[in-house]
Amino acid sequence: MPSHYQSLTQDTLFSDAFRVSPPQPLPGRDIVPRRPAAFIRKASSSANPAPEAPQPDADATAPAPELPGRELAIGQFGLVPAWVKSASDAKLRSVKLVNARSETLTTSTPFRDAWLASQRCIVPMMAFFEDDLRTGKAVPTRIARVDGKPLGVAGLWERWTGAEGEEIISFTLLTVNANSHALMRRYQHDGNEKRMPVILNEGSYDAWLNTTPEKARDFMRAYPAQSLLANPVEGKK
C-alpha cells in the first residue's frame, strides 16, 4: 500500500489533466505521511463559476478552462478523523491512516464518517512507490502510467477542528486487493495481502466526486496492469 508518491511538478498538468488551477506554490515532489499535498474535491455551489466559452481566435495553447464542479485543496497526507480529541493525537493517528481499505469503508471507524458524507476526492500524482522484495532486499520501485500521464487516485478527505479553533485538512488514498494483479502482486511482503491504490479513469472523475456512497463502490477496482509501468529507482532508500 503506497505511503510515498510523487506529486505533479508542472502547473500545466493540473489544468490539462484535472481542469483545476494549480496550487501556489506547488507541493514538493515527494509526498510522504503528514506532508502537505494537493487534492481535488467537489466544489461548493458558489465556487468555481462556469468558464467562459473560448473565442474563435483563442490561443490554442492556453490551459483548459476549470470545470465548475471541481476545486483544488491542500491537505496533509494521512487522514485525521473529525472525532480526534487533540492535535497530538491527530499527529500520531494520521501516519497510520494514509491508506483506507475500500472493502471496509462503512465499518472502519477512522474512515466511515468521511465516506458516508461523500467527502470523496481525487489525488493527482505522477507515480507511487512500492518495495520489490523478491530478491530478499527492498528495491524501491516507481509505478506510473505507461503513457506518462498523471494518475488520478481515489481518496477521502476530512476537516478536523480542535478545541481552540485549530484546523487540519487531510486526505487518504483508497486501496483494493491486488493479489491477482499481474503487476502489483510482485510488491509488498510475501504472505500479506497485496494492495494497490484505486486509479480512476479520466472520464470518471466527475462521476466519482458526485455519485452516492452506494454507487461509489462501483469505482473500487484494480487498474489494468498493461497500462502501468514499474521501474526500480536507483539510489533511493
Protein backbone atom coordinates (compact mmCIF):
# COMPACT_ATOMS: atom_id res chain seq x y z
CA MET A 1 0.00 0.00 0.00
CA PRO A 2 1.56 3.31 -1.01
CA SER A 3 2.82 5.65 1.68
CA HIS A 4 5.05 7.62 -0.70
CA TYR A 5 4.14 9.16 -4.03
CA GLN A 6 5.38 11.75 -6.49
CA SER A 7 3.27 14.88 -6.86
CA LEU A 8 2.67 16.86 -10.04
CA THR A 9 5.56 19.26 -10.55
CA GLN A 10 4.29 21.33 -13.51
CA ASP A 11 1.50 23.92 -13.38
CA THR A 12 0.08 22.83 -16.71
CA LEU A 13 -0.54 19.26 -15.54
CA PHE A 14 -3.19 20.43 -13.06
CA SER A 15 -5.11 22.33 -15.70
CA ASP A 16 -4.61 19.90 -18.58
CA ALA A 17 -5.26 16.64 -16.75
CA PHE A 18 -7.64 17.72 -13.97
CA ARG A 19 -9.13 21.04 -15.14
CA VAL A 20 -8.25 22.91 -11.92
CA SER A 21 -5.91 25.82 -11.29
CA PRO A 22 -2.52 24.73 -9.91
CA PRO A 23 -1.69 25.38 -6.25
CA GLN A 24 0.68 28.20 -5.43
CA PRO A 25 3.30 27.27 -4.54
CA LEU A 26 3.39 23.77 -5.98
CA PRO A 27 3.68 20.99 -3.38
CA GLY A 28 7.02 19.23 -3.03
CA ARG A 29 7.90 16.43 -5.41
CA ASP A 30 7.95 13.63 -2.82
CA ILE A 31 4.82 13.22 -0.70
CA VAL A 32 5.09 11.12 2.47
CA PRO A 33 2.84 10.92 5.58
CA ARG A 34 1.96 14.31 7.14
CA ARG A 35 3.42 16.20 4.15
CA PRO A 36 1.04 18.78 2.61
CA ALA A 37 -0.19 17.95 -0.88
CA ALA A 38 -2.91 18.84 -3.38
CA PHE A 39 -6.18 17.00 -3.83
CA ILE A 40 -9.34 17.72 -5.83
CA ARG A 41 -12.81 17.61 -4.30
CA LYS A 42 -16.36 18.50 -5.24
CA ALA A 43 -16.74 22.28 -5.29
CA SER A 44 -19.28 24.12 -3.22
CA SER A 45 -22.21 25.52 -5.21
CA SER A 46 -20.78 29.03 -5.02
CA ALA A 47 -17.27 28.08 -6.03
CA ASN A 48 -15.74 27.91 -9.49
CA PRO A 49 -18.28 29.62 -11.76
CA ALA A 50 -18.69 28.12 -15.19
CA PRO A 51 -15.83 29.08 -17.53
CA GLU A 52 -16.45 31.44 -20.41
CA ALA A 53 -16.70 29.88 -23.82
CA PRO A 54 -13.44 30.27 -25.78
CA GLN A 55 -13.40 32.82 -28.59
CA PRO A 56 -12.73 31.66 -32.17
CA ASP A 57 -9.27 33.24 -32.14
CA ALA A 58 -8.36 31.94 -28.68
CA ASP A 59 -4.79 30.76 -28.19
CA ALA A 60 -4.77 27.03 -28.92
CA THR A 61 -2.03 26.54 -26.33
CA ALA A 62 -3.98 28.16 -23.48
CA PRO A 63 -4.69 25.91 -20.48
CA ALA A 64 -8.01 24.08 -20.41
CA PRO A 65 -10.69 26.05 -18.51
CA GLU A 66 -11.55 24.98 -14.99
CA LEU A 67 -14.60 22.80 -14.51
CA PRO A 68 -17.22 24.33 -12.20
CA GLY A 69 -17.79 21.13 -10.22
CA ARG A 70 -14.21 20.73 -9.02
CA GLU A 71 -11.94 22.61 -6.64
CA LEU A 72 -8.37 22.08 -5.57
CA ALA A 73 -7.47 21.94 -1.89
CA ILE A 74 -4.30 21.45 0.12
CA GLY A 75 -4.20 18.97 2.97
CA GLN A 76 -1.84 16.68 4.79
CA PHE A 77 -1.30 13.13 3.57
CA GLY A 78 -2.79 10.92 6.29
CA LEU A 79 -6.40 11.32 7.40
CA VAL A 80 -7.31 12.93 10.73
CA PRO A 81 -10.82 11.80 11.74
CA ALA A 82 -13.13 14.59 12.88
CA TRP A 83 -13.63 12.92 16.28
CA VAL A 84 -9.94 13.01 17.27
CA LYS A 85 -9.63 14.93 20.55
CA SER A 86 -6.26 16.68 20.27
CA ALA A 87 -3.64 17.82 17.79
CA SER A 88 -1.09 15.47 19.34
CA ASP A 89 -3.45 12.52 18.85
CA ALA A 90 -4.08 13.67 15.28
CA LYS A 91 -0.35 13.66 14.62
CA LEU A 92 0.02 10.10 15.85
CA ARG A 93 -3.03 8.70 14.05
CA SER A 94 -2.51 10.32 10.65
CA VAL A 95 0.69 8.40 9.86
CA LYS A 96 -1.26 5.15 10.05
CA LEU A 97 -4.20 6.46 8.03
CA VAL A 98 -2.60 7.20 4.65
CA ASN A 99 -4.49 4.29 3.08
CA ALA A 100 -8.09 3.11 3.50
CA ARG A 101 -9.32 -0.35 2.55
CA SER A 102 -12.23 0.08 0.15
CA GLU A 103 -13.94 -3.10 1.39
CA THR A 104 -14.40 -1.81 4.96
CA LEU A 105 -15.22 1.87 4.49
CA THR A 106 -18.65 1.62 6.12
CA THR A 107 -17.33 -0.27 9.15
CA SER A 108 -13.89 1.26 9.65
CA THR A 109 -14.16 3.89 12.39
CA PRO A 110 -11.49 6.30 11.06
CA PHE A 111 -13.00 6.49 7.55
CA ARG A 112 -16.74 5.79 7.92
CA ASP A 113 -17.89 9.35 8.52
CA ALA A 114 -15.98 10.79 5.54
CA TRP A 115 -17.28 8.01 3.28
CA LEU A 116 -20.92 8.38 4.32
CA ALA A 117 -20.66 12.18 3.98
CA SER A 118 -19.44 11.73 0.37
CA GLN A 119 -16.18 13.53 1.13
CA ARG A 120 -14.51 11.85 -1.80
CA CYS A 121 -11.55 13.34 -3.61
CA ILE A 122 -9.04 12.76 -6.39
CA VAL A 123 -5.34 12.78 -5.53
CA PRO A 124 -3.18 13.81 -8.51
CA MET A 125 0.19 12.11 -8.76
CA MET A 126 2.79 11.22 -11.34
CA ALA A 127 3.71 7.92 -9.70
CA PHE A 128 3.67 5.98 -6.45
CA PHE A 129 6.38 3.83 -4.91
CA GLU A 130 6.43 0.25 -3.67
CA ASP A 131 9.24 -2.01 -2.46
CA ASP A 132 10.13 -5.04 -4.58
CA LEU A 133 11.21 -7.67 -2.04
CA ARG A 134 11.54 -10.67 -4.33
CA THR A 135 15.35 -10.78 -4.05
CA GLY A 136 15.25 -10.51 -0.27
CA LYS A 137 16.36 -6.89 -0.44
CA ALA A 138 13.97 -3.95 -0.66
CA VAL A 139 14.23 -2.37 -4.12
CA PRO A 140 12.19 0.87 -4.29
CA THR A 141 10.14 0.85 -7.47
CA ARG A 142 8.36 3.71 -9.20
CA ILE A 143 4.96 2.79 -10.65
CA ALA A 144 3.39 5.12 -13.21
CA ARG A 145 1.18 5.09 -16.27
CA VAL A 146 2.71 3.68 -19.43
CA ASP A 147 1.76 6.82 -21.36
CA GLY A 148 3.41 9.12 -18.78
CA LYS A 149 0.17 10.96 -17.94
CA PRO A 150 -0.75 11.79 -14.33
CA LEU A 151 -2.67 9.35 -12.17
CA GLY A 152 -5.92 10.39 -10.50
CA VAL A 153 -6.24 8.25 -7.37
CA ALA A 154 -9.50 7.94 -5.44
CA GLY A 155 -9.38 9.26 -1.90
CA LEU A 156 -11.33 10.63 1.05
CA TRP A 157 -10.79 13.98 2.73
CA GLU A 158 -11.63 15.29 6.18
CA ARG A 159 -11.62 18.52 8.20
CA TRP A 160 -10.59 18.37 11.86
CA THR A 161 -11.17 21.32 14.18
CA GLY A 162 -9.59 21.46 17.62
CA ALA A 163 -10.98 22.91 20.83
CA GLU A 164 -9.01 26.12 20.31
CA GLY A 165 -10.08 26.52 16.68
CA GLU A 166 -7.04 24.99 15.02
CA GLU A 167 -7.86 23.18 11.77
CA ILE A 168 -6.30 20.28 9.86
CA ILE A 169 -7.44 19.37 6.35
CA SER A 170 -6.30 15.87 5.47
CA PHE A 171 -6.80 13.04 2.99
CA THR A 172 -6.22 9.32 2.47
CA LEU A 173 -5.85 7.04 -0.56
CA LEU A 174 -8.35 4.23 -1.21
CA THR A 175 -6.97 0.78 -1.97
CA VAL A 176 -8.22 -2.53 -3.39
CA ASN A 177 -6.97 -6.11 -3.28
CA ALA A 178 -4.15 -6.82 -5.74
CA ASN A 179 -3.37 -10.49 -5.03
CA SER A 180 -4.25 -11.42 -8.62
CA HIS A 181 -2.97 -8.27 -10.28
CA ALA A 182 -0.30 -9.13 -12.86
CA LEU A 183 1.93 -6.24 -11.77
CA MET A 184 1.10 -5.27 -8.19
CA ARG A 185 1.22 -8.81 -6.80
CA ARG A 186 5.02 -8.60 -7.13
CA TYR A 187 5.32 -5.98 -4.39
CA GLN A 188 5.00 -5.74 -0.61
CA HIS A 189 5.74 -8.61 1.79
CA ASP A 190 5.05 -12.24 0.89
CA GLY A 191 2.29 -13.77 2.96
CA ASN A 192 0.50 -10.45 3.32
CA GLU A 193 -2.46 -9.34 1.26
CA LYS A 194 -1.28 -7.27 -1.70
CA ARG A 195 -2.97 -3.88 -2.12
CA MET A 196 -2.95 -1.13 -4.74
CA PRO A 197 -4.45 2.37 -4.96
CA VAL A 198 -7.74 2.89 -6.77
CA ILE A 199 -6.68 4.63 -10.00
CA LEU A 200 -9.61 6.34 -11.72
CA ASN A 201 -10.17 6.67 -15.45
CA GLU A 202 -10.09 10.30 -16.62
CA GLY A 203 -13.66 10.17 -17.87
CA SER A 204 -14.98 9.12 -14.47
CA TYR A 205 -13.61 11.97 -12.32
CA ASP A 206 -16.85 13.93 -12.03
CA ALA A 207 -18.94 10.81 -11.54
CA TRP A 208 -16.65 9.75 -8.69
CA LEU A 209 -16.94 13.12 -6.97
CA ASN A 210 -20.71 13.43 -7.36
CA THR A 211 -22.24 9.98 -7.03
CA THR A 212 -23.78 8.42 -3.91
CA PRO A 213 -21.74 6.30 -1.48
CA GLU A 214 -23.56 3.20 -2.69
CA LYS A 215 -22.71 3.79 -6.35
CA ALA A 216 -19.20 4.96 -5.49
CA ARG A 217 -18.35 1.35 -4.68
CA ASP A 218 -18.52 0.62 -8.41
CA PHE A 219 -15.27 2.57 -8.80
CA MET A 220 -13.37 0.27 -6.43
CA ARG A 221 -11.50 -1.83 -8.97
CA ALA A 222 -7.91 -2.54 -9.96
CA TYR A 223 -6.34 -0.55 -12.77
CA PRO A 224 -5.21 -2.66 -15.78
CA ALA A 225 -1.66 -3.97 -15.37
CA GLN A 226 -0.85 -3.34 -19.04
CA SER A 227 -1.47 0.38 -18.50
CA LEU A 228 1.15 0.63 -15.72
CA LEU A 229 4.93 0.69 -15.87
CA ALA A 230 7.27 -0.23 -12.98
CA ASN A 231 10.91 0.91 -12.82
CA PRO A 232 13.44 0.37 -10.00
CA VAL A 233 14.66 3.65 -8.55
CA GLU A 234 18.45 3.79 -8.45
CA GLY A 235 19.99 5.08 -5.26
CA LYS A 236 16.66 5.51 -3.49
CA LYS A 237 16.43 4.20 0.04
